[in-house]
């Protein structure tokens, strides 16, 4: 992975700048040497009938390598969120669920079962899962802690 070959991510959304949607990008940005391209455009396709909106969501998703799913969004608009997850699975895209921030919401098991992996809100966990699911990169990163014995 490099700046020339960023991960292409699609983030499940509700056509708004929901705090959980925005938090995904904060976490991705906070990870050094992790490059991604956002394939999601929350403003595109909001006008029109359901078929037009769904076609636009599928078009955006088709360019992505992986779909990120902040599970709190399910409570906001379950039909729209379910459609995005089902479309991702139909296209063969891996789905990474990110648990409820602070685990304040409970999401149906049937929804979580559609995810290929589920991680906590942790920049390292999220980026490592993206690498693994999107490109089968299981190299992992080791944290080093330096300390001095007296």
Protein backbone atom coordinates (compact mmCIF):
# COMPACT_ATOMS: atom_id res chain seq x y z
CA UNK A 1 0.00 0.00 0.00
CA UNK A 2 1.27 3.44 -0.93
CA UNK A 3 0.05 6.85 -1.90
CA UNK A 4 0.01 5.56 -5.50
CA UNK A 5 -2.20 2.60 -4.59
CA UNK A 6 -4.54 3.68 -1.76
CA UNK A 7 -7.25 1.44 -0.36
CA UNK A 8 -10.59 2.27 -1.94
CA UNK A 9 -13.20 2.38 0.81
CA UNK A 10 -16.94 2.86 0.76
CA UNK A 11 -18.55 3.82 4.07
CA UNK A 12 -22.18 2.93 4.70
CA UNK A 13 -24.12 6.14 5.26
CA UNK A 14 -27.55 7.69 5.62
CA UNK A 15 -26.99 10.61 3.20
CA UNK A 16 -25.91 12.79 6.11
CA UNK A 17 -22.76 13.60 8.02
CA UNK A 18 -23.68 11.36 10.92
CA UNK A 19 -21.06 11.49 13.71
CA UNK A 20 -20.24 7.78 13.26
CA UNK A 21 -19.74 8.28 9.51
CA UNK A 22 -17.36 11.17 10.14
CA UNK A 23 -15.57 9.28 12.93
CA UNK A 24 -14.52 6.58 10.44
CA UNK A 25 -12.48 9.14 8.52
CA UNK A 26 -11.01 10.63 11.68
CA UNK A 27 -9.70 7.19 12.62
CA UNK A 28 -8.38 6.44 9.12
CA UNK A 29 -6.62 9.82 8.98
CA UNK A 30 -5.04 9.32 12.39
CA UNK A 31 -3.14 6.24 11.25
CA UNK A 32 0.28 7.11 9.82
CA UNK A 33 1.27 5.62 6.46
CA UNK A 34 -2.25 4.43 5.74
CA UNK A 35 -3.55 5.72 2.44
CA UNK A 36 -7.13 5.45 1.30
CA UNK A 37 -9.54 6.93 -1.20
CA UNK A 38 -13.12 7.55 -0.16
CA UNK A 39 -15.49 6.16 -2.82
CA UNK A 40 -18.53 7.46 -0.95
CA UNK A 41 -20.39 10.61 -1.91
CA UNK A 42 -23.16 11.17 0.63
CA UNK A 43 -24.67 14.05 -1.37
CA UNK A 44 -24.96 12.20 -4.70
CA UNK A 45 -28.22 10.46 -5.47
CA UNK A 46 -30.28 11.91 -2.64
CA UNK A 47 -32.81 13.29 -5.12
CA UNK A 48 -35.06 10.95 -7.03
CA UNK A 49 -36.95 7.76 -6.47
CA UNK A 50 -35.67 4.69 -4.64
CA UNK A 51 -34.38 3.06 -7.83
CA UNK A 52 -32.30 6.14 -8.71
CA UNK A 53 -30.87 6.37 -5.20
CA UNK A 54 -30.03 2.67 -5.10
CA UNK A 55 -28.39 2.80 -8.54
CA UNK A 56 -26.17 5.66 -7.38
CA UNK A 57 -25.18 3.79 -4.20
CA UNK A 58 -24.29 0.69 -6.24
CA UNK A 59 -22.27 2.82 -8.67
CA UNK A 60 -20.22 4.34 -5.83
CA UNK A 61 -19.75 0.98 -4.14
CA UNK A 62 -18.59 -0.68 -7.36
CA UNK A 63 -15.32 1.28 -7.28
CA UNK A 64 -14.51 0.27 -3.68
CA UNK A 65 -12.40 -2.63 -2.44
CA UNK A 66 -14.09 -2.79 0.94
CA UNK A 67 -17.26 -1.53 2.63
CA UNK A 68 -17.04 -0.11 6.15
CA UNK A 69 -20.17 -0.33 8.25
CA UNK A 70 -20.46 1.75 11.44
CA UNK A 71 -23.22 -0.29 13.09
CA UNK A 72 -24.88 2.66 14.86
CA UNK A 73 -26.15 3.83 11.49
CA UNK A 74 -28.51 0.84 11.35
CA UNK A 75 -30.74 2.40 14.01
CA UNK A 76 -31.00 5.61 11.96
CA UNK A 77 -32.24 4.11 8.68
CA UNK A 78 -32.39 0.31 8.76
CA UNK A 79 -33.78 -0.08 5.23
CA UNK A 80 -31.13 2.12 3.59
CA UNK A 81 -28.29 0.59 5.61
CA UNK A 82 -29.50 -2.97 4.94
CA UNK A 83 -29.63 -2.22 1.23
CA UNK A 84 -26.01 -1.03 1.24
CA UNK A 85 -24.81 -4.09 3.12
CA UNK A 86 -26.78 -6.46 0.88
CA UNK A 87 -25.49 -4.71 -2.25
CA UNK A 88 -21.92 -5.04 -1.00
CA UNK A 89 -22.37 -8.75 -0.36
CA UNK A 90 -23.99 -9.21 -3.80
CA UNK A 91 -20.98 -7.50 -5.42
CA UNK A 92 -18.58 -9.69 -3.47
CA UNK A 93 -17.18 -6.79 -1.46
CA UNK A 94 -15.91 -7.54 2.03
CA UNK A 95 -17.86 -5.79 4.78
CA UNK A 96 -16.10 -4.58 7.91
CA UNK A 97 -18.48 -3.75 10.76
CA UNK A 98 -17.31 -1.24 13.33
CA UNK A 99 -19.00 -1.74 16.70
CA UNK A 100 -21.20 0.85 18.27
CA UNK A 101 -19.01 3.61 19.71
CA UNK A 102 -19.01 2.89 23.42
CA UNK A 103 -21.19 -0.12 22.58
CA UNK A 104 -24.31 1.89 23.33
CA UNK A 105 -26.55 0.33 20.66
CA UNK A 106 -27.48 -3.26 20.08
CA UNK A 107 -27.66 -4.36 16.47
CA UNK A 108 -29.51 -7.41 15.23
CA UNK A 109 -27.39 -10.53 14.94
CA UNK A 110 -28.74 -11.07 11.42
CA UNK A 111 -27.19 -7.73 10.37
CA UNK A 112 -23.85 -8.39 12.05
CA UNK A 113 -23.69 -11.87 10.50
CA UNK A 114 -23.38 -10.21 7.08
CA UNK A 115 -20.05 -8.66 8.09
CA UNK A 116 -16.81 -10.42 7.24
CA UNK A 117 -15.22 -9.03 10.40
CA UNK A 118 -16.24 -6.84 13.34
CA UNK A 119 -13.82 -4.48 15.08
CA UNK A 120 -13.85 -1.94 17.89
CA UNK A 121 -13.30 1.78 17.40
CA UNK A 122 -9.52 1.63 17.29
CA UNK A 123 -7.47 3.08 14.44
CA UNK A 124 -5.09 0.14 14.39
CA UNK A 125 -7.85 -2.49 14.47
CA UNK A 126 -9.76 -0.77 11.67
CA UNK A 127 -6.78 -0.28 9.35
CA UNK A 128 -5.40 -3.78 9.93
CA UNK A 129 -8.81 -5.29 9.18
CA UNK A 130 -9.06 -3.20 5.99
CA UNK A 131 -5.66 -4.49 4.86
CA UNK A 132 -6.62 -8.07 5.61
CA UNK A 133 -10.08 -8.02 4.04
CA UNK A 134 -9.39 -5.80 1.04
CA UNK A 135 -6.03 -7.18 -0.06
CA UNK A 136 -5.43 -10.24 2.08
CA UNK A 137 -2.47 -8.45 3.68
CA UNK A 138 -1.85 -10.09 7.02
CA UNK A 139 1.54 -8.56 7.68
CA UNK A 140 0.34 -6.78 10.79
CA UNK A 141 2.17 -4.08 12.66
CA UNK A 142 4.00 -4.35 15.89
CA UNK A 143 3.99 -1.62 18.45
CA UNK A 144 7.27 -1.03 20.19
CA UNK A 145 7.56 0.35 23.65
CA UNK A 146 10.89 1.68 24.78
CA UNK A 147 11.66 1.76 28.44
CA UNK A 148 14.74 2.17 30.53
CA UNK A 149 15.64 0.01 33.46
CA UNK A 150 17.44 1.77 36.25
